[in-house]
Amino acid sequence: MHPRSVQINPKATAVSIRDISKLVLLAMTALSLLFFMLIQQVQAAENPFEKNYKEQNTNKLKSMNPNPDTQILLSNHKDEDNIKMLEEGYDMIGSSGFSAEEASPDLALQHGKAIKADKVLIYKKYDSAKVTGSKLELVREAAKTGRELDAEELIEEPTKYAFYASYWAKLPAPTFGVHVIKLKLNTNTNPADDVKTIEELPGLKIVAVINDSAAAKASIVRGDTLLKMGDVTLNKVEDLFAAVKKYSGQSVTVELERKGVAEKVTVALSARK
């Protein structure tokens, strides 16, 4: 049997290698894109600030800036901060609250940018954990009573923290410049009676006055109760909206109560824009 000679076409071989290289390159590109998309999905799923977010403002409030430079602040005084933010002309978009071993502030900032918040305030405090001291106490109690401890009772659990983030947007310059609530009083004096008798108190209680607003310039302060603006009696929040709209750009008499004393002040309302 005579050996056969095999001829190889160099051009055909070169074309095949080139085609294979293209296919490999396309496959690697597709895998890279798929991997990037998976990473993004995992990161979104793992963002507890986004997962536990609850919108507070039903008006779809967001920054007036289409591309806000969202700032993040760490604090430990939530109630005081809320008042300060209102006084500085911000309103809350929403908040996130949850318990976890750890949560990076960068995740809160990431979510703040996504919902177009101007500022994000973050709070972190000790939540709960079975620490070494409590384990020793458990062992002592078991020794006194003769009870055998299960292995699970001796396992150290990681420390958890309570995280809370609030998201804020800057408001346009106000016409009047107050944040109010309607106070209600439970008049039921019998603790054994489950039926609550609720009485609405007159007027609207001011919880914050915006800095440099018309209300602030008229020396209206937090804690005052608004009773009347012009000829509009203020029993509901909607009454205040209607009165401000009616007297926009005018000077109007405001009747209020301060520490039990009735007062009248003149307020020069800004013009509505």
Protein backbone atom coordinates (compact mmCIF):
# COMPACT_ATOMS: atom_id res chain seq x y z
CA MET A 1 0.00 0.00 0.00
CA HIS A 2 1.39 3.30 -1.03
CA PRO A 3 1.13 6.26 1.34
CA ARG A 4 -1.08 9.11 0.12
CA SER A 5 0.12 12.64 0.09
CA VAL A 6 -2.18 15.22 1.68
CA GLN A 7 -2.22 18.74 0.36
CA ILE A 8 -3.17 21.65 2.60
CA ASN A 9 -4.59 24.85 1.20
CA PRO A 10 -2.94 27.66 3.21
CA LYS A 11 -5.66 30.18 2.26
CA ALA A 12 -8.49 27.91 3.41
CA THR A 13 -6.67 27.27 6.70
CA ALA A 14 -6.14 30.99 7.28
CA VAL A 15 -9.80 31.74 6.63
CA SER A 16 -10.90 29.04 9.06
CA ILE A 17 -8.67 30.32 11.84
CA ARG A 18 -9.88 33.89 11.23
CA ASP A 19 -13.53 32.79 11.38
CA ILE A 20 -12.93 30.82 14.56
CA SER A 21 -11.21 33.85 16.14
CA LYS A 22 -14.22 36.01 15.31
CA LEU A 23 -16.60 33.48 16.82
CA VAL A 24 -14.51 33.24 19.97
CA LEU A 25 -14.39 37.04 20.25
CA LEU A 26 -18.17 37.33 19.81
CA ALA A 27 -18.75 34.61 22.39
CA MET A 28 -16.45 36.33 24.90
CA THR A 29 -18.22 39.67 24.30
CA ALA A 30 -21.61 38.07 24.83
CA LEU A 31 -20.43 36.39 28.02
CA SER A 32 -18.99 39.66 29.30
CA LEU A 33 -22.28 41.49 28.69
CA LEU A 34 -24.23 38.68 30.36
CA PHE A 35 -21.89 38.72 33.35
CA PHE A 36 -22.23 42.52 33.66
CA MET A 37 -26.03 42.29 33.54
CA LEU A 38 -26.03 39.56 36.19
CA ILE A 39 -23.80 41.65 38.44
CA GLN A 40 -26.16 44.63 38.08
CA GLN A 41 -29.18 42.46 38.91
CA VAL A 42 -27.46 41.01 41.98
CA GLN A 43 -26.43 44.46 43.19
CA ALA A 44 -29.99 45.78 42.78
CA ALA A 45 -31.43 42.77 44.59
CA GLU A 46 -28.95 43.18 47.42
CA ASN A 47 -29.67 46.87 48.06
CA PRO A 48 -31.71 46.80 51.29
CA PHE A 49 -32.35 50.56 51.12
CA GLU A 50 -34.13 50.12 47.80
CA LYS A 51 -35.86 46.89 48.86
CA ASN A 52 -37.32 48.45 52.04
CA TYR A 53 -38.10 51.87 50.56
CA LYS A 54 -41.53 53.38 51.24
CA GLU A 55 -42.67 56.50 49.42
CA GLN A 56 -44.09 59.18 51.70
CA ASN A 57 -45.02 61.93 49.29
CA THR A 58 -47.91 61.01 46.97
CA ASN A 59 -47.05 63.86 44.59
CA LYS A 60 -44.03 62.01 43.20
CA LEU A 61 -41.74 64.59 44.75
CA LYS A 62 -38.17 64.75 43.45
CA SER A 63 -35.32 67.23 43.08
CA MET A 64 -35.91 70.32 40.96
CA ASN A 65 -32.51 69.59 39.42
CA PRO A 66 -32.76 66.96 36.64
CA ASN A 67 -29.32 65.67 37.67
CA PRO A 68 -29.01 66.42 41.40
CA ASP A 69 -25.69 66.16 43.22
CA THR A 70 -27.18 63.93 45.92
CA GLN A 71 -25.52 64.42 49.31
CA ILE A 72 -25.44 61.91 52.14
CA LEU A 73 -25.39 62.77 55.85
CA LEU A 74 -24.86 60.42 58.82
CA SER A 75 -26.59 61.37 62.06
CA ASN A 76 -28.10 60.12 65.33
CA HIS A 77 -30.86 62.71 65.90
CA LYS A 78 -33.72 61.82 63.56
CA ASP A 79 -36.50 63.95 65.03
CA GLU A 80 -34.33 67.07 65.25
CA ASP A 81 -33.02 66.46 61.75
CA ASN A 82 -36.53 66.17 60.33
CA ILE A 83 -37.48 69.58 61.73
CA LYS A 84 -34.24 71.12 60.50
CA MET A 85 -34.77 69.76 56.99
CA LEU A 86 -38.30 71.18 56.89
CA GLU A 87 -37.03 74.55 58.14
CA GLU A 88 -34.40 74.58 55.40
CA GLY A 89 -37.05 74.15 52.74
CA TYR A 90 -36.88 70.40 52.09
CA ASP A 91 -39.66 67.83 52.13
CA MET A 92 -39.34 64.08 52.61
CA ILE A 93 -39.72 61.89 49.53
CA GLY A 94 -39.69 58.60 51.43
CA SER A 95 -37.71 56.40 53.81
CA SER A 96 -36.12 52.99 54.27
CA GLY A 97 -35.95 51.00 57.51
CA PHE A 98 -34.60 47.51 58.20
CA SER A 99 -32.40 45.37 60.45
CA ALA A 100 -29.12 43.94 59.18
CA GLU A 101 -25.57 43.03 60.18
CA GLU A 102 -24.21 45.73 57.90
CA ALA A 103 -25.36 48.02 55.10
CA SER A 104 -23.07 50.36 53.23
CA PRO A 105 -24.11 54.05 53.12
CA ASP A 106 -23.12 53.96 49.45
CA LEU A 107 -26.17 51.78 48.80
CA ALA A 108 -28.42 54.45 50.33
CA LEU A 109 -26.71 57.08 48.20
CA GLN A 110 -27.18 54.89 45.13
CA HIS A 111 -30.90 54.64 45.78
CA GLY A 112 -31.08 58.37 46.56
CA LYS A 113 -29.63 59.16 43.14
CA ALA A 114 -32.08 56.76 41.49
CA ILE A 115 -35.12 58.55 42.98
CA LYS A 116 -33.54 61.99 42.42
CA ALA A 117 -33.20 63.05 46.04
CA ASP A 118 -31.16 66.11 46.98
CA LYS A 119 -30.15 64.74 50.39
CA VAL A 120 -30.10 61.37 52.13
CA LEU A 121 -29.94 61.12 55.93
CA ILE A 122 -28.77 57.79 57.39
CA TYR A 123 -29.09 56.46 60.94
CA LYS A 124 -27.54 53.34 62.42
CA LYS A 125 -28.07 52.07 65.95
CA TYR A 126 -27.56 48.84 67.85
CA ASP A 127 -30.49 46.50 67.36
CA SER A 128 -29.98 43.06 68.93
CA ALA A 129 -27.55 40.18 69.34
CA LYS A 130 -26.75 37.26 71.62
CA VAL A 131 -23.41 38.41 72.94
CA THR A 132 -20.85 36.57 75.06
CA GLY A 133 -22.13 38.09 78.30
CA SER A 134 -25.64 36.77 77.73
CA LYS A 135 -24.22 33.33 76.89
CA LEU A 136 -22.36 33.20 80.21
CA GLU A 137 -25.55 34.15 82.04
CA LEU A 138 -27.37 31.37 80.20
CA VAL A 139 -24.70 28.86 81.31
CA ARG A 140 -24.96 30.03 84.92
CA GLU A 141 -28.74 29.66 84.92
CA ALA A 142 -28.47 26.17 83.41
CA ALA A 143 -25.92 25.17 86.08
CA LYS A 144 -28.24 26.32 88.86
CA THR A 145 -31.28 24.48 87.51
CA GLY A 146 -29.43 21.43 86.18
CA ARG A 147 -30.80 21.99 82.70
CA GLU A 148 -28.73 20.79 79.77
CA LEU A 149 -28.05 23.38 77.12
CA ASP A 150 -28.59 22.67 73.44
CA ALA A 151 -25.70 23.35 71.11
CA GLU A 152 -27.80 25.95 69.26
CA GLU A 153 -28.20 27.97 72.45
CA LEU A 154 -24.43 28.44 72.66
CA ILE A 155 -23.95 29.60 69.09
CA GLU A 156 -22.95 33.25 68.91
CA GLU A 157 -25.27 35.25 66.69
CA PRO A 158 -23.90 38.22 64.76
CA THR A 159 -24.64 41.71 65.98
CA LYS A 160 -27.47 43.37 64.08
CA TYR A 161 -28.15 47.06 63.63
CA ALA A 162 -31.29 49.03 62.87
CA PHE A 163 -30.77 51.12 59.74
CA TYR A 164 -32.98 54.01 58.70
CA ALA A 165 -32.59 56.39 55.76
CA SER A 166 -34.74 59.36 54.80
CA TYR A 167 -34.68 60.94 51.33
CA TRP A 168 -35.31 64.65 50.81
CA ALA A 169 -35.94 67.07 47.94
CA LYS A 170 -35.61 70.85 47.99
CA LEU A 171 -38.93 72.65 47.46
CA PRO A 172 -39.52 75.86 45.47
CA ALA A 173 -39.64 79.08 47.49
CA PRO A 174 -42.92 78.98 49.49
CA THR A 175 -45.77 81.50 49.41
CA PHE A 176 -46.39 81.28 53.16
CA GLY A 177 -43.78 78.86 54.54
CA VAL A 178 -45.13 76.55 57.26
CA HIS A 179 -45.63 72.82 57.83
CA VAL A 180 -48.75 72.02 59.84
CA ILE A 181 -50.65 69.09 61.34
CA LYS A 182 -54.21 68.66 62.57
CA LEU A 183 -54.24 67.79 66.27
CA LYS A 184 -56.79 65.35 67.65
CA LEU A 185 -57.50 64.58 71.30
CA ASN A 186 -58.75 61.34 72.82
CA THR A 187 -61.39 62.52 75.31
CA ASN A 188 -62.13 59.05 76.69
CA THR A 189 -61.31 59.21 80.43
CA ASN A 190 -62.14 55.57 81.16
CA PRO A 191 -59.07 53.34 80.50
CA ALA A 192 -61.24 50.21 80.56
CA ASP A 193 -63.39 51.49 77.70
CA ASP A 194 -62.02 50.32 74.34
CA VAL A 195 -64.10 52.85 72.42
CA LYS A 196 -62.09 55.98 71.72
CA THR A 197 -63.78 59.37 71.61
CA ILE A 198 -61.74 61.60 69.33
CA GLU A 199 -62.13 65.37 69.39
CA GLU A 200 -60.46 67.59 66.80
CA LEU A 201 -58.74 70.61 68.30
CA PRO A 202 -59.37 73.97 66.58
CA GLY A 203 -56.83 75.29 64.10
CA LEU A 204 -53.65 73.85 62.62
CA LYS A 205 -50.52 73.22 64.70
CA ILE A 206 -47.25 74.44 63.17
CA VAL A 207 -44.47 71.83 63.30
CA ALA A 208 -41.92 73.82 61.29
CA VAL A 209 -41.46 77.29 59.80
CA ILE A 210 -39.31 77.57 56.68
CA ASN A 211 -36.34 79.91 57.08
CA ASP A 212 -36.66 83.35 55.43
CA SER A 213 -40.26 82.64 54.41
CA ALA A 214 -43.18 85.07 54.73
CA ALA A 215 -44.27 83.28 57.92
CA ALA A 216 -40.78 83.53 59.44
CA LYS A 217 -40.56 87.25 58.60
CA ALA A 218 -43.89 87.78 60.38
CA SER A 219 -42.40 86.15 63.53
CA ILE A 220 -44.63 83.07 63.32
CA VAL A 221 -42.86 80.23 65.12
CA ARG A 222 -43.01 76.49 65.56
CA GLY A 223 -45.69 75.55 68.11
CA ASP A 224 -48.12 78.31 67.11
CA THR A 225 -51.66 77.26 66.17
CA LEU A 226 -53.09 78.90 63.06
CA LEU A 227 -56.77 79.78 63.44
CA LYS A 228 -57.63 82.10 60.59
CA MET A 229 -56.09 83.75 57.52
CA GLY A 230 -58.05 86.74 56.27
CA ASP A 231 -61.66 85.55 56.24
CA VAL A 232 -60.76 81.84 55.90
CA THR A 233 -61.12 79.74 59.07
CA LEU A 234 -58.35 77.13 59.22
CA ASN A 235 -59.81 73.81 60.34
CA LYS A 236 -58.18 71.56 57.74
CA VAL A 237 -54.90 71.58 55.84
CA GLU A 238 -56.92 72.14 52.68
CA ASP A 239 -58.26 75.38 54.23
CA LEU A 240 -54.71 76.70 54.54
CA PHE A 241 -53.93 75.82 50.91
CA ALA A 242 -57.07 77.65 49.79
CA ALA A 243 -56.31 80.73 51.92
CA VAL A 244 -52.70 80.97 50.71
CA LYS A 245 -53.89 80.73 47.11
CA LYS A 246 -56.57 83.40 47.71
CA TYR A 247 -54.22 85.94 49.32
CA SER A 248 -51.08 85.18 47.31
CA GLY A 249 -48.99 88.30 46.78
CA GLN A 250 -50.99 90.27 49.37
CA SER A 251 -50.60 91.32 53.00
CA VAL A 252 -53.13 89.45 55.12
CA THR A 253 -54.03 89.23 58.81
CA VAL A 254 -53.38 85.85 60.40
CA GLU A 255 -55.04 84.92 63.68
CA LEU A 256 -53.17 82.40 65.80
CA GLU A 257 -52.75 81.07 69.30
CA ARG A 258 -49.36 81.04 71.02
CA LYS A 259 -49.04 79.33 74.41
CA GLY A 260 -52.73 79.79 75.09
CA VAL A 261 -52.78 83.48 74.11
CA ALA A 262 -54.65 84.72 71.01
CA GLU A 263 -52.60 86.94 68.68
CA LYS A 264 -52.86 88.62 65.30
CA VAL A 265 -49.99 89.17 62.87
CA THR A 266 -49.79 90.64 59.40
CA VAL A 267 -48.12 88.45 56.80
CA ALA A 268 -46.91 89.65 53.40
CA LEU A 269 -47.44 86.52 51.31
CA SER A 270 -45.10 85.96 48.39
CA ALA A 271 -46.61 85.86 44.93
CA ARG A 272 -47.28 82.38 43.53
CA LYS A 273 -44.99 81.42 40.67
